[in-house]
Each structure stands twice: as C-alpha cells, then as structure tokens.
Amino acid sequence: EVHLVEPGGGAVEAGGSLTLSCVNSGSSDNWCTWGWYRQASGQGREGFAWIYPDGNISYSDDVKGRFSISQDNARRMLSLQMNSLKPEDTATYYCRIRLWRDGHCAVAPYWGHGTQVTVSS
C-alpha cells in the first residue's frame, strides 16, 4: 500500500549541496509523519528531520540550519535540501512514513530503500 522510491543522492565536496526526494507511489497516502533518517557506516539509523500534516517541522541539532525538509501532497513527494554539507553527513539516507490507522498514527513505519550520500573533504 506504500512504496517509497528515493531518487537522488550522490557525491559532493564539503560545503556543497544536494537534494534528496522520496516519492510515495503506493495506494495509501494518509500519512501522519514523514521524515528522513540516515545511517553512517558502522552506526545505527538516526532520524534528523520530520514533517507533519499540519505543517510543523522539526530537526535534530546537527542538521538544523543546514537542511530543509518539505513535502508536496499533490506530487506525493518528500524532499530534503541539504546545504553546507560536511564529511560527517556521509551516510545512507532513508525516508520513512507512518500512516493513520483507526484514528491513530500507526507505530509500524514504511521505509524507502535508501540512497547513498558521500561528502568528501
């Protein structure tokens, strides 16, 4: 019912910019949270940017001021603009969506397949 496709990603030098996208091509789009997570080599997956249907947005401290999350309901797409990239931003990036279920935001999320971002110094 949800199929998340993540075009984008790539390699960039420190200080550069990249834009990631996540498109929901599935049949369900009644989402309650949509966010970006990343996993660096040898580390756990961590969330850093989230958007909610009422337009509220939150960021983790390490990306605040550099990254910008946005969402387009008509295109069923989540985007992430990443500026001032640092080598420590190197990771596999995943989008994650949670849907409304019986009036509640379902605990079980759907994940994108992940896309690699590499920032060289």
C-alpha atoms as a PDB file:
ATOM      1  CA  GLU A   1       0.000   0.000   0.000  1.00  0.00           C
ATOM      2  CA  VAL A   2       3.039   2.238   0.420  1.00  0.00           C
ATOM      3  CA  HIS A   3       6.012   2.133  -1.906  1.00  0.00           C
ATOM      4  CA  LEU A   4       8.688   4.738  -1.273  1.00  0.00           C
ATOM      5  CA  VAL A   5      11.149   5.483  -4.039  1.00  0.00           C
ATOM      6  CA  GLU A   6      14.180   7.654  -3.396  1.00  0.00           C
ATOM      7  CA  PRO A   7      15.888   9.165  -6.398  1.00  0.00           C
ATOM      8  CA  GLY A   8      18.783  11.496  -5.695  1.00  0.00           C
ATOM      9  CA  GLY A   9      21.844  11.107  -3.574  1.00  0.00           C
ATOM     10  CA  GLY A  10      25.389  11.136  -4.842  1.00  0.00           C
ATOM     11  CA  ALA A  11      28.806  12.533  -4.025  1.00  0.00           C
ATOM     12  CA  VAL A  12      29.705  16.121  -3.277  1.00  0.00           C
ATOM     13  CA  GLU A  13      32.576  18.071  -1.762  1.00  0.00           C
ATOM     14  CA  ALA A  14      32.340  19.585   1.694  1.00  0.00           C
ATOM     15  CA  GLY A  15      30.361  22.796   1.636  1.00  0.00           C
ATOM     16  CA  GLY A  16      28.291  21.651  -1.304  1.00  0.00           C
ATOM     17  CA  SER A  17      24.588  20.935  -1.626  1.00  0.00           C
ATOM     18  CA  LEU A  18      22.370  18.013  -2.588  1.00  0.00           C
ATOM     19  CA  THR A  19      18.650  17.470  -2.827  1.00  0.00           C
ATOM     20  CA  LEU A  20      17.002  14.168  -1.967  1.00  0.00           C
ATOM     21  CA  SER A  21      13.484  13.144  -2.905  1.00  0.00           C
ATOM     22  CA  CYS A  22      11.142  10.427  -1.725  1.00  0.00           C
ATOM     23  CA  VAL A  23       8.057   9.587  -3.746  1.00  0.00           C
ATOM     24  CA  ASN A  24       5.169   7.520  -2.421  1.00  0.00           C
ATOM     25  CA  SER A  25       3.968   5.517  -5.405  1.00  0.00           C
ATOM     26  CA  GLY A  26       1.706   3.260  -3.350  1.00  0.00           C
ATOM     27  CA  SER A  27      -2.042   3.444  -2.911  1.00  0.00           C
ATOM     28  CA  SER A  28      -2.065   4.889   0.624  1.00  0.00           C
ATOM     29  CA  ASP A  29      -1.106   8.461   1.366  1.00  0.00           C
ATOM     30  CA  ASN A  30      -2.962   9.214   4.606  1.00  0.00           C
ATOM     31  CA  TRP A  31       0.243   9.975   6.444  1.00  0.00           C
ATOM     32  CA  CYS A  32       0.744  11.254   9.976  1.00  0.00           C
ATOM     33  CA  THR A  33       4.510  11.691   9.961  1.00  0.00           C
ATOM     34  CA  TRP A  34       7.095  11.723   7.203  1.00  0.00           C
ATOM     35  CA  GLY A  35      10.765  12.025   7.877  1.00  0.00           C
ATOM     36  CA  TRP A  36      14.373  11.490   6.923  1.00  0.00           C
ATOM     37  CA  TYR A  37      16.793   9.142   8.645  1.00  0.00           C
ATOM     38  CA  ARG A  38      20.390   8.277   7.967  1.00  0.00           C
ATOM     39  CA  GLN A  39      22.819   5.542   8.798  1.00  0.00           C
ATOM     40  CA  ALA A  40      26.561   6.004   8.652  1.00  0.00           C
ATOM     41  CA  SER A  41      28.832   3.025   8.214  1.00  0.00           C
ATOM     42  CA  GLY A  42      29.033   1.013  11.419  1.00  0.00           C
ATOM     43  CA  GLN A  43      26.425   3.116  13.179  1.00  0.00           C
ATOM     44  CA  GLY A  44      22.717   2.902  13.899  1.00  0.00           C
ATOM     45  CA  ARG A  45      19.972   4.587  11.912  1.00  0.00           C
ATOM     46  CA  GLU A  46      19.062   8.021  13.256  1.00  0.00           C
ATOM     47  CA  GLY A  47      16.267  10.414  12.431  1.00  0.00           C
ATOM     48  CA  PHE A  48      17.040  14.050  11.827  1.00  0.00           C
ATOM     49  CA  ALA A  49      14.130  15.751  10.040  1.00  0.00           C
ATOM     50  CA  TRP A  50      10.365  15.309  10.302  1.00  0.00           C
ATOM     51  CA  ILE A  51       7.288  16.957   8.864  1.00  0.00           C
ATOM     52  CA  TYR A  52       3.665  16.638   9.950  1.00  0.00           C
ATOM     53  CA  PRO A  53       0.352  17.177   8.120  1.00  0.00           C
ATOM     54  CA  ASP A  54      -0.264  20.434   9.982  1.00  0.00           C
ATOM     55  CA  GLY A  55       2.985  21.778   8.543  1.00  0.00           C
ATOM     56  CA  ASN A  56       5.045  21.514  11.706  1.00  0.00           C
ATOM     57  CA  ILE A  57       8.675  20.626  11.132  1.00  0.00           C
ATOM     58  CA  SER A  58      11.450  19.530  13.447  1.00  0.00           C
ATOM     59  CA  TYR A  59      15.170  18.909  13.010  1.00  0.00           C
ATOM     60  CA  SER A  60      17.919  17.391  15.042  1.00  0.00           C
ATOM     61  CA  ASP A  61      20.555  19.821  16.223  1.00  0.00           C
ATOM     62  CA  ASP A  62      23.262  18.524  13.897  1.00  0.00           C
ATOM     63  CA  VAL A  63      21.354  19.472  10.739  1.00  0.00           C
ATOM     64  CA  LYS A  64      19.338  22.455  11.944  1.00  0.00           C
ATOM     65  CA  GLY A  65      20.068  25.489   9.809  1.00  0.00           C
ATOM     66  CA  ARG A  66      21.677  23.423   7.045  1.00  0.00           C
ATOM     67  CA  PHE A  67      18.942  21.015   5.942  1.00  0.00           C
ATOM     68  CA  SER A  68      15.376  21.785   4.932  1.00  0.00           C
ATOM     69  CA  ILE A  69      12.549  19.261   4.692  1.00  0.00           C
ATOM     70  CA  SER A  70       9.476  19.871   2.576  1.00  0.00           C
ATOM     71  CA  GLN A  71       6.505  17.908   1.346  1.00  0.00           C
ATOM     72  CA  ASP A  72       4.217  18.141  -1.684  1.00  0.00           C
ATOM     73  CA  ASN A  73       0.912  16.344  -1.245  1.00  0.00           C
ATOM     74  CA  ALA A  74      -0.097  16.750  -4.876  1.00  0.00           C
ATOM     75  CA  ARG A  75       3.098  15.032  -6.024  1.00  0.00           C
ATOM     76  CA  ARG A  76       3.138  12.708  -3.005  1.00  0.00           C
ATOM     77  CA  MET A  77       6.746  13.628  -2.523  1.00  0.00           C
ATOM     78  CA  LEU A  78       9.036  14.404   0.376  1.00  0.00           C
ATOM     79  CA  SER A  79      12.150  16.433  -0.294  1.00  0.00           C
ATOM     80  CA  LEU A  80      15.311  17.261   1.607  1.00  0.00           C
ATOM     81  CA  GLN A  81      17.527  20.166   0.649  1.00  0.00           C
ATOM     82  CA  MET A  82      20.973  19.730   2.165  1.00  0.00           C
ATOM     83  CA  ASN A  83      23.347  22.681   2.233  1.00  0.00           C
ATOM     84  CA  SER A  84      26.777  23.233   3.755  1.00  0.00           C
ATOM     85  CA  LEU A  85      27.401  19.510   3.711  1.00  0.00           C
ATOM     86  CA  LYS A  86      30.125  18.082   5.919  1.00  0.00           C
ATOM     87  CA  PRO A  87      32.078  14.823   5.666  1.00  0.00           C
ATOM     88  CA  GLU A  88      30.230  13.616   8.754  1.00  0.00           C
ATOM     89  CA  ASP A  89      26.985  13.827   6.776  1.00  0.00           C
ATOM     90  CA  THR A  90      28.186  10.846   4.744  1.00  0.00           C
ATOM     91  CA  ALA A  91      25.618   8.086   5.197  1.00  0.00           C
ATOM     92  CA  THR A  92      22.826   6.129   3.598  1.00  0.00           C
ATOM     93  CA  TYR A  93      19.697   8.272   3.726  1.00  0.00           C
ATOM     94  CA  TYR A  94      16.226   6.819   4.159  1.00  0.00           C
ATOM     95  CA  CYS A  95      12.769   8.332   4.081  1.00  0.00           C
ATOM     96  CA  ARG A  96      10.186   6.967   6.457  1.00  0.00           C
ATOM     97  CA  ILE A  97       6.420   7.405   6.536  1.00  0.00           C
ATOM     98  CA  ARG A  98       3.786   6.497   9.106  1.00  0.00           C
ATOM     99  CA  LEU A  99       0.100   6.274   8.246  1.00  0.00           C
ATOM    100  CA  TRP A 100      -3.091   6.915  10.156  1.00  0.00           C
ATOM    101  CA  ARG A 101      -4.708   3.648  11.287  1.00  0.00           C
ATOM    102  CA  ASP A 102      -8.085   3.639  13.037  1.00  0.00           C
ATOM    103  CA  GLY A 103      -7.609   7.182  14.210  1.00  0.00           C
ATOM    104  CA  HIS A 104      -4.057   6.651  15.452  1.00  0.00           C
ATOM    105  CA  CYS A 105      -0.648   7.232  13.950  1.00  0.00           C
ATOM    106  CA  ALA A 106       0.491   3.660  13.309  1.00  0.00           C
ATOM    107  CA  VAL A 107       3.648   2.574  15.118  1.00  0.00           C
ATOM    108  CA  ALA A 108       4.940   0.484  12.217  1.00  0.00           C
ATOM    109  CA  PRO A 109       6.520   2.709   9.563  1.00  0.00           C
ATOM    110  CA  TYR A 110       7.294   2.210   5.909  1.00  0.00           C
ATOM    111  CA  TRP A 111      10.857   2.806   4.744  1.00  0.00           C
ATOM    112  CA  GLY A 112      12.444   3.817   1.488  1.00  0.00           C
ATOM    113  CA  HIS A 113      15.243   1.686   0.071  1.00  0.00           C
ATOM    114  CA  GLY A 114      17.913   4.215   0.980  1.00  0.00           C
ATOM    115  CA  THR A 115      20.235   6.347  -1.096  1.00  0.00           C
ATOM    116  CA  GLN A 116      23.925   6.989  -0.530  1.00  0.00           C
ATOM    117  CA  VAL A 117      25.282  10.460   0.163  1.00  0.00           C
ATOM    118  CA  THR A 118      29.048  10.862   0.256  1.00  0.00           C
ATOM    119  CA  VAL A 119      30.706  14.131   1.262  1.00  0.00           C
ATOM    120  CA  SER A 120      34.439  14.424   0.645  1.00  0.00           C
ATOM    121  CA  SER A 121      36.731  16.801   2.490  1.00  0.00           C
END
